[in-house]
C-alpha atoms as a PDB file:
ATOM      1  CA  MET A   1    -148.690   0.067  47.433  1.00  0.00           C
ATOM      2  CA  ASP A   2    -150.376   3.059  45.830  1.00  0.00           C
ATOM      3  CA  SER A   3    -148.749   6.475  45.400  1.00  0.00           C
ATOM      4  CA  GLN A   4    -150.740   8.098  48.220  1.00  0.00           C
ATOM      5  CA  THR A   5    -149.584   5.440  50.683  1.00  0.00           C
ATOM      6  CA  ALA A   6    -146.022   5.917  49.433  1.00  0.00           C
ATOM      7  CA  ARG A   7    -146.241   9.682  50.047  1.00  0.00           C
ATOM      8  CA  ASP A   8    -147.744   9.083  53.489  1.00  0.00           C
ATOM      9  CA  TRP A   9    -144.932   6.697  54.430  1.00  0.00           C
ATOM     10  CA  LEU A  10    -142.254   9.131  53.298  1.00  0.00           C
ATOM     11  CA  ASN A  11    -143.910  12.147  54.913  1.00  0.00           C
ATOM     12  CA  ASP A  12    -144.223  10.298  58.222  1.00  0.00           C
ATOM     13  CA  ALA A  13    -141.424   7.730  58.150  1.00  0.00           C
ATOM     14  CA  GLY A  14    -141.780   6.894  61.837  1.00  0.00           C
ATOM     15  CA  ASP A  15    -139.927   3.681  62.551  1.00  0.00           C
ATOM     16  CA  ARG A  16    -140.253   2.288  59.038  1.00  0.00           C
ATOM     17  CA  LYS A  17    -137.365   0.221  57.793  1.00  0.00           C
ATOM     18  CA  PRO A  18    -135.110   1.444  54.987  1.00  0.00           C
ATOM     19  CA  SER A  19    -136.462  -1.216  52.611  1.00  0.00           C
ATOM     20  CA  GLU A  20    -140.044  -0.072  53.295  1.00  0.00           C
ATOM     21  CA  LEU A  21    -139.104   3.535  52.599  1.00  0.00           C
ATOM     22  CA  GLY A  22    -137.257   2.353  49.496  1.00  0.00           C
ATOM     23  CA  GLU A  23    -140.412   0.630  48.293  1.00  0.00           C
ATOM     24  CA  ALA A  24    -142.302   3.904  48.728  1.00  0.00           C
ATOM     25  CA  VAL A  25    -139.591   5.719  46.735  1.00  0.00           C
ATOM     26  CA  ASP A  26    -139.866   3.074  44.006  1.00  0.00           C
ATOM     27  CA  VAL A  27    -143.620   3.635  43.688  1.00  0.00           C
ATOM     28  CA  LEU A  28    -143.194   7.403  43.440  1.00  0.00           C
ATOM     29  CA  TYR A  29    -140.214   7.092  41.094  1.00  0.00           C
ATOM     30  CA  HIS A  30    -142.347   5.131  38.626  1.00  0.00           C
ATOM     31  CA  GLU A  31    -144.978   7.864  38.851  1.00  0.00           C
ATOM     32  CA  CYS A  32    -142.709  10.949  38.860  1.00  0.00           C
ATOM     33  CA  HIS A  33    -139.694   9.636  36.882  1.00  0.00           C
ATOM     34  CA  SER A  34    -137.152  11.639  38.920  1.00  0.00           C
ATOM     35  CA  TYR A  35    -135.976  12.149  42.480  1.00  0.00           C
ATOM     36  CA  ASP A  36    -136.221  15.923  42.011  1.00  0.00           C
ATOM     37  CA  ALA A  37    -139.963  15.611  41.385  1.00  0.00           C
ATOM     38  CA  ILE A  38    -140.370  13.413  44.464  1.00  0.00           C
ATOM     39  CA  THR A  39    -138.533  15.933  46.693  1.00  0.00           C
ATOM     40  CA  LYS A  40    -141.367  18.383  46.051  1.00  0.00           C
ATOM     41  CA  GLN A  41    -143.760  15.962  47.771  1.00  0.00           C
ATOM     42  CA  VAL A  42    -141.695  14.572  50.669  1.00  0.00           C
ATOM     43  CA  PRO A  43    -139.094  15.865  53.168  1.00  0.00           C
ATOM     44  CA  PHE A  44    -136.125  13.884  51.772  1.00  0.00           C
ATOM     45  CA  SER A  45    -133.203  15.067  49.667  1.00  0.00           C
ATOM     46  CA  LYS A  46    -132.755  13.481  46.252  1.00  0.00           C
ATOM     47  CA  GLU A  47    -129.538  11.873  47.562  1.00  0.00           C
ATOM     48  CA  ARG A  48    -131.422  10.164  50.412  1.00  0.00           C
ATOM     49  CA  LEU A  49    -134.229   9.123  48.062  1.00  0.00           C
ATOM     50  CA  SER A  50    -131.637   7.584  45.754  1.00  0.00           C
ATOM     51  CA  GLN A  51    -130.016   5.714  48.664  1.00  0.00           C
ATOM     52  CA  LEU A  52    -133.339   4.337  49.871  1.00  0.00           C
ATOM     53  CA  HIS A  53    -134.344   3.359  46.339  1.00  0.00           C
ATOM     54  CA  LYS A  54    -131.067   1.468  45.902  1.00  0.00           C
ATOM     55  CA  VAL A  55    -131.796  -0.458  49.096  1.00  0.00           C
ATOM     56  CA  PHE A  56    -135.180  -1.516  47.720  1.00  0.00           C
ATOM     57  CA  LEU A  57    -133.589  -2.696  44.458  1.00  0.00           C
ATOM     58  CA  LEU A  58    -131.162  -5.029  46.268  1.00  0.00           C
ATOM     59  CA  PRO A  59    -131.942  -8.745  46.705  1.00  0.00           C
ATOM     60  CA  LYS A  60    -134.394  -9.447  49.529  1.00  0.00           C
ATOM     61  CA  GLY A  61    -131.805 -11.009  51.865  1.00  0.00           C
ATOM     62  CA  ILE A  62    -129.460  -8.047  51.584  1.00  0.00           C
ATOM     63  CA  ARG A  63    -132.372  -5.669  52.219  1.00  0.00           C
ATOM     64  CA  TRP A  64    -133.021  -7.618  55.400  1.00  0.00           C
ATOM     65  CA  GLN A  65    -129.435  -7.036  56.532  1.00  0.00           C
ATOM     66  CA  VAL A  66    -129.882  -3.290  55.894  1.00  0.00           C
ATOM     67  CA  ASP A  67    -133.145  -3.314  57.861  1.00  0.00           C
ATOM     68  CA  GLU A  68    -131.398  -5.162  60.706  1.00  0.00           C
ATOM     69  CA  GLY A  69    -128.672  -2.483  60.763  1.00  0.00           C
ATOM     70  CA  LYS A  70    -125.840  -4.847  59.845  1.00  0.00           C
ATOM     71  CA  VAL A  71    -125.352  -3.174  56.455  1.00  0.00           C
ATOM     72  CA  ARG A  72    -125.469   0.623  56.520  1.00  0.00           C
ATOM     73  CA  LEU A  73    -127.066   2.815  53.840  1.00  0.00           C
ATOM     74  CA  GLY A  74    -123.608   3.892  52.651  1.00  0.00           C
ATOM     75  CA  HIS A  75    -122.673   0.236  52.234  1.00  0.00           C
ATOM     76  CA  ALA A  76    -125.930  -0.490  50.394  1.00  0.00           C
ATOM     77  CA  GLU A  77    -125.250   2.352  47.981  1.00  0.00           C
ATOM     78  CA  GLN A  78    -121.916   0.753  47.075  1.00  0.00           C
ATOM     79  CA  ILE A  79    -123.301  -2.792  46.963  1.00  0.00           C
ATOM     80  CA  ALA A  80    -125.904  -1.613  44.431  1.00  0.00           C
ATOM     81  CA  ARG A  81    -123.109  -0.755  41.983  1.00  0.00           C
ATOM     82  CA  LEU A  82    -122.162  -4.432  41.603  1.00  0.00           C
ATOM     83  CA  GLN A  83    -123.636  -7.444  39.828  1.00  0.00           C
ATOM     84  CA  GLU A  84    -125.942  -9.610  41.968  1.00  0.00           C
ATOM     85  CA  GLU A  85    -123.440 -12.352  42.885  1.00  0.00           C
ATOM     86  CA  ASP A  86    -120.912  -9.722  43.956  1.00  0.00           C
ATOM     87  CA  GLN A  87    -123.646  -7.850  45.841  1.00  0.00           C
ATOM     88  CA  TRP A  88    -124.188 -10.934  47.995  1.00  0.00           C
ATOM     89  CA  MET A  89    -120.485 -11.504  48.498  1.00  0.00           C
ATOM     90  CA  LEU A  90    -119.783  -7.906  49.513  1.00  0.00           C
ATOM     91  CA  ALA A  91    -122.783  -7.779  51.887  1.00  0.00           C
ATOM     92  CA  PHE A  92    -121.638 -11.031  53.495  1.00  0.00           C
ATOM     93  CA  THR A  93    -118.106  -9.673  53.862  1.00  0.00           C
ATOM     94  CA  ILE A  94    -119.386  -6.442  55.429  1.00  0.00           C
ATOM     95  CA  VAL A  95    -121.436  -8.376  57.985  1.00  0.00           C
ATOM     96  CA  GLN A  96    -118.731 -10.943  58.782  1.00  0.00           C
ATOM     97  CA  LYS A  97    -115.658  -8.733  58.729  1.00  0.00           C
ATOM     98  CA  GLY A  98    -117.063  -5.335  59.679  1.00  0.00           C
ATOM     99  CA  ILE A  99    -115.748  -3.410  56.674  1.00  0.00           C
ATOM    100  CA  ASP A 100    -116.444   0.303  57.045  1.00  0.00           C
ATOM    101  CA  VAL A 101    -118.141   2.397  54.338  1.00  0.00           C
ATOM    102  CA  LYS A 102    -114.859   4.053  53.278  1.00  0.00           C
ATOM    103  CA  ASP A 103    -113.115   0.721  52.638  1.00  0.00           C
ATOM    104  CA  CYS A 104    -116.256  -0.634  50.982  1.00  0.00           C
ATOM    105  CA  THR A 105    -116.273   2.346  48.614  1.00  0.00           C
ATOM    106  CA  GLU A 106    -112.612   1.774  47.715  1.00  0.00           C
ATOM    107  CA  VAL A 107    -113.211  -1.921  47.064  1.00  0.00           C
ATOM    108  CA  VAL A 108    -116.203  -1.245  44.804  1.00  0.00           C
ATOM    109  CA  ARG A 109    -114.353   1.526  42.990  1.00  0.00           C
ATOM    110  CA  ALA A 110    -111.482  -0.887  42.278  1.00  0.00           C
ATOM    111  CA  VAL A 111    -113.833  -3.636  41.057  1.00  0.00           C
ATOM    112  CA  VAL A 112    -115.750  -1.276  38.760  1.00  0.00           C
ATOM    113  CA  ARG A 113    -112.650   0.502  37.448  1.00  0.00           C
ATOM    114  CA  THR A 114    -110.470  -2.564  36.843  1.00  0.00           C
ATOM    115  CA  LYS A 115    -113.244  -5.117  36.162  1.00  0.00           C
ATOM    116  CA  ARG A 116    -111.368  -7.573  38.397  1.00  0.00           C
ATOM    117  CA  PRO A 117    -113.251 -10.209  40.412  1.00  0.00           C
ATOM    118  CA  LEU A 118    -114.489  -8.984  43.788  1.00  0.00           C
ATOM    119  CA  ARG A 119    -112.766 -11.912  45.526  1.00  0.00           C
ATOM    120  CA  ASP A 120    -109.387 -10.799  44.192  1.00  0.00           C
ATOM    121  CA  VAL A 121    -109.936  -7.175  45.187  1.00  0.00           C
ATOM    122  CA  LEU A 122    -111.126  -8.145  48.682  1.00  0.00           C
ATOM    123  CA  HIS A 123    -108.039 -10.306  49.134  1.00  0.00           C
ATOM    124  CA  GLU A 124    -105.671  -7.641  47.840  1.00  0.00           C
ATOM    125  CA  MET A 125    -107.171  -4.621  49.621  1.00  0.00           C
ATOM    126  CA  ILE A 126    -108.686  -6.092  52.799  1.00  0.00           C
ATOM    127  CA  GLY A 127    -106.835  -9.393  53.159  1.00  0.00           C
ATOM    128  CA  ILE A 128    -109.943 -11.573  52.976  1.00  0.00           C
ATOM    129  CA  ARG A 129    -109.706 -15.079  51.594  1.00  0.00           C
ATOM    130  CA  PHE A 130    -112.747 -17.253  51.120  1.00  0.00           C
ATOM    131  CA  ASP A 131    -110.809 -20.432  51.860  1.00  0.00           C
ATOM    132  CA  GLU A 132    -110.102 -19.280  55.427  1.00  0.00           C
ATOM    133  CA  PRO A 133    -112.066 -20.881  58.278  1.00  0.00           C
ATOM    134  CA  PHE A 134    -115.536 -19.547  58.963  1.00  0.00           C
ATOM    135  CA  PRO A 135    -116.215 -18.884  62.648  1.00  0.00           C
ATOM    136  CA  SER A 136    -118.753 -21.581  63.478  1.00  0.00           C
ATOM    137  CA  LEU A 137    -119.258 -24.618  65.630  1.00  0.00           C
ATOM    138  CA  LEU A 138    -118.651 -26.909  62.667  1.00  0.00           C
ATOM    139  CA  ALA A 139    -115.042 -27.767  61.923  1.00  0.00           C
ATOM    140  CA  GLY A 140    -113.984 -27.520  58.308  1.00  0.00           C
ATOM    141  CA  ILE A 141    -116.449 -24.793  57.322  1.00  0.00           C
ATOM    142  CA  THR A 142    -114.742 -22.156  55.188  1.00  0.00           C
ATOM    143  CA  LEU A 143    -115.727 -18.553  54.615  1.00  0.00           C
ATOM    144  CA  GLU A 144    -116.991 -19.727  51.195  1.00  0.00           C
ATOM    145  CA  ASP A 145    -119.299 -22.251  52.906  1.00  0.00           C
ATOM    146  CA  GLY A 146    -120.441 -19.596  55.367  1.00  0.00           C
ATOM    147  CA  PHE A 147    -121.175 -17.247  52.452  1.00  0.00           C
ATOM    148  CA  ARG A 148    -123.399 -19.824  50.719  1.00  0.00           C
ATOM    149  CA  ILE A 149    -125.229 -20.714  53.941  1.00  0.00           C
ATOM    150  CA  SER A 150    -125.688 -17.060  54.923  1.00  0.00           C
ATOM    151  CA  ARG A 151    -127.067 -16.172  51.505  1.00  0.00           C
ATOM    152  CA  ALA A 152    -129.729 -18.869  51.836  1.00  0.00           C
ATOM    153  CA  ALA A 153    -130.442 -17.854  55.441  1.00  0.00           C
ATOM    154  CA  TRP A 154    -130.764 -14.121  54.750  1.00  0.00           C
ATOM    155  CA  THR A 155    -133.234 -14.781  51.949  1.00  0.00           C
ATOM    156  CA  ARG A 156    -135.453 -16.370  54.611  1.00  0.00           C
ATOM    157  CA  LYS A 157    -134.737 -13.515  57.068  1.00  0.00           C
ATOM    158  CA  LEU A 158    -132.790 -15.826  59.376  1.00  0.00           C
ATOM    159  CA  ASN A 159    -129.322 -15.543  60.812  1.00  0.00           C
ATOM    160  CA  TRP A 160    -126.765 -18.232  60.058  1.00  0.00           C
ATOM    161  CA  ALA A 161    -127.263 -20.196  63.278  1.00  0.00           C
ATOM    162  CA  ASP A 162    -131.084 -20.215  63.154  1.00  0.00           C
ATOM    163  CA  PHE A 163    -131.063 -21.252  59.507  1.00  0.00           C
ATOM    164  CA  SER A 164    -128.590 -24.066  60.209  1.00  0.00           C
ATOM    165  CA  LEU A 165    -130.661 -25.315  63.143  1.00  0.00           C
ATOM    166  CA  ALA A 166    -133.846 -25.289  61.044  1.00  0.00           C
ATOM    167  CA  ALA A 167    -132.066 -27.197  58.258  1.00  0.00           C
ATOM    168  CA  ILE A 168    -130.776 -29.805  60.710  1.00  0.00           C
ATOM    169  CA  GLU A 169    -134.228 -30.190  62.288  1.00  0.00           C
ATOM    170  CA  GLN A 170    -135.830 -30.572  58.871  1.00  0.00           C
ATOM    171  CA  ALA A 171    -133.249 -33.137  57.737  1.00  0.00           C
ATOM    172  CA  THR A 172    -133.661 -35.218  60.886  1.00  0.00           C
ATOM    173  CA  ARG A 173    -137.441 -34.925  61.244  1.00  0.00           C
ATOM    174  CA  VAL A 174    -139.225 -38.257  61.126  1.00  0.00           C
ATOM    175  CA  ASP A 175    -142.590 -38.402  59.401  1.00  0.00           C
ATOM    176  CA  LEU A 176    -144.442 -40.256  62.160  1.00  0.00           C
ATOM    177  CA  GLU A 177    -147.711 -40.371  60.220  1.00  0.00           C
ATOM    178  CA  GLY A 178    -145.914 -41.863  57.221  1.00  0.00           C
ATOM    179  CA  VAL A 179    -144.204 -44.459  59.414  1.00  0.00           C
ATOM    180  CA  ALA A 180    -147.561 -45.295  61.055  1.00  0.00           C
ATOM    181  CA  GLU A 181    -149.184 -45.791  57.642  1.00  0.00           C
ATOM    182  CA  ILE A 182    -146.374 -48.105  56.541  1.00  0.00           C
ATOM    183  CA  LEU A 183    -146.635 -50.135  59.756  1.00  0.00           C
ATOM    184  CA  GLU A 184    -150.400 -50.329  59.413  1.00  0.00           C
ATOM    185  CA  GLY A 185    -149.991 -51.581  55.843  1.00  0.00           C
ATOM    186  CA  LEU A 186    -147.486 -54.238  56.970  1.00  0.00           C
ATOM    187  CA  ALA A 187    -149.820 -55.329  59.783  1.00  0.00           C
ATOM    188  CA  THR A 188    -152.680 -55.678  57.285  1.00  0.00           C
ATOM    189  CA  GLN A 189    -150.482 -57.769  54.988  1.00  0.00           C
ATOM    190  CA  LEU A 190    -149.371 -60.029  57.854  1.00  0.00           C
ATOM    191  CA  ARG A 191    -152.979 -60.557  59.004  1.00  0.00           C
ATOM    192  CA  SER A 192    -154.077 -61.469  55.502  1.00  0.00           C
ATOM    193  CA  LYS A 193    -151.301 -64.103  55.219  1.00  0.00           C
ATOM    194  CA  ARG A 194    -152.478 -65.957  58.318  1.00  0.00           C
END
């Protein structure tokens, strides 16, 4: 995206997704080097520009959750303060457990201040344990398993169920052309032995 397109997108946001607006902010930030300079060109406050930029800098799957409205901008701002693995874990927890922005802020503040693992802080402050059952149709799936599956799914812009179905279909798909070639080869061998 060029800087003129970025300005156009921000001046007429329409129904653009937060990650798209964040991409436009990123382009202008590289050109202008500050949010203050960008505010002179677009109708956004520097705080909103910063929020949108943080969304764009998140991993693709988390951006998708923001675009889908499952992770709010206030959540995204807090998620951006963490290391990537913790970003995924907190986004997953927000989507699965419905943590509000205030609690999210307190959790992140505790992680950053104390340098304790996010899992420990989530357990202590929110009561979340990753060895608890994950709500799914498959018995024995833990929240930890659901986290790993969701992370892979979100990266492909799929929800958990659609991703799981696609994985099952792929794992059980039979390569009919490959089987036909093998059978044809066996038939040729049998004919030649007669």
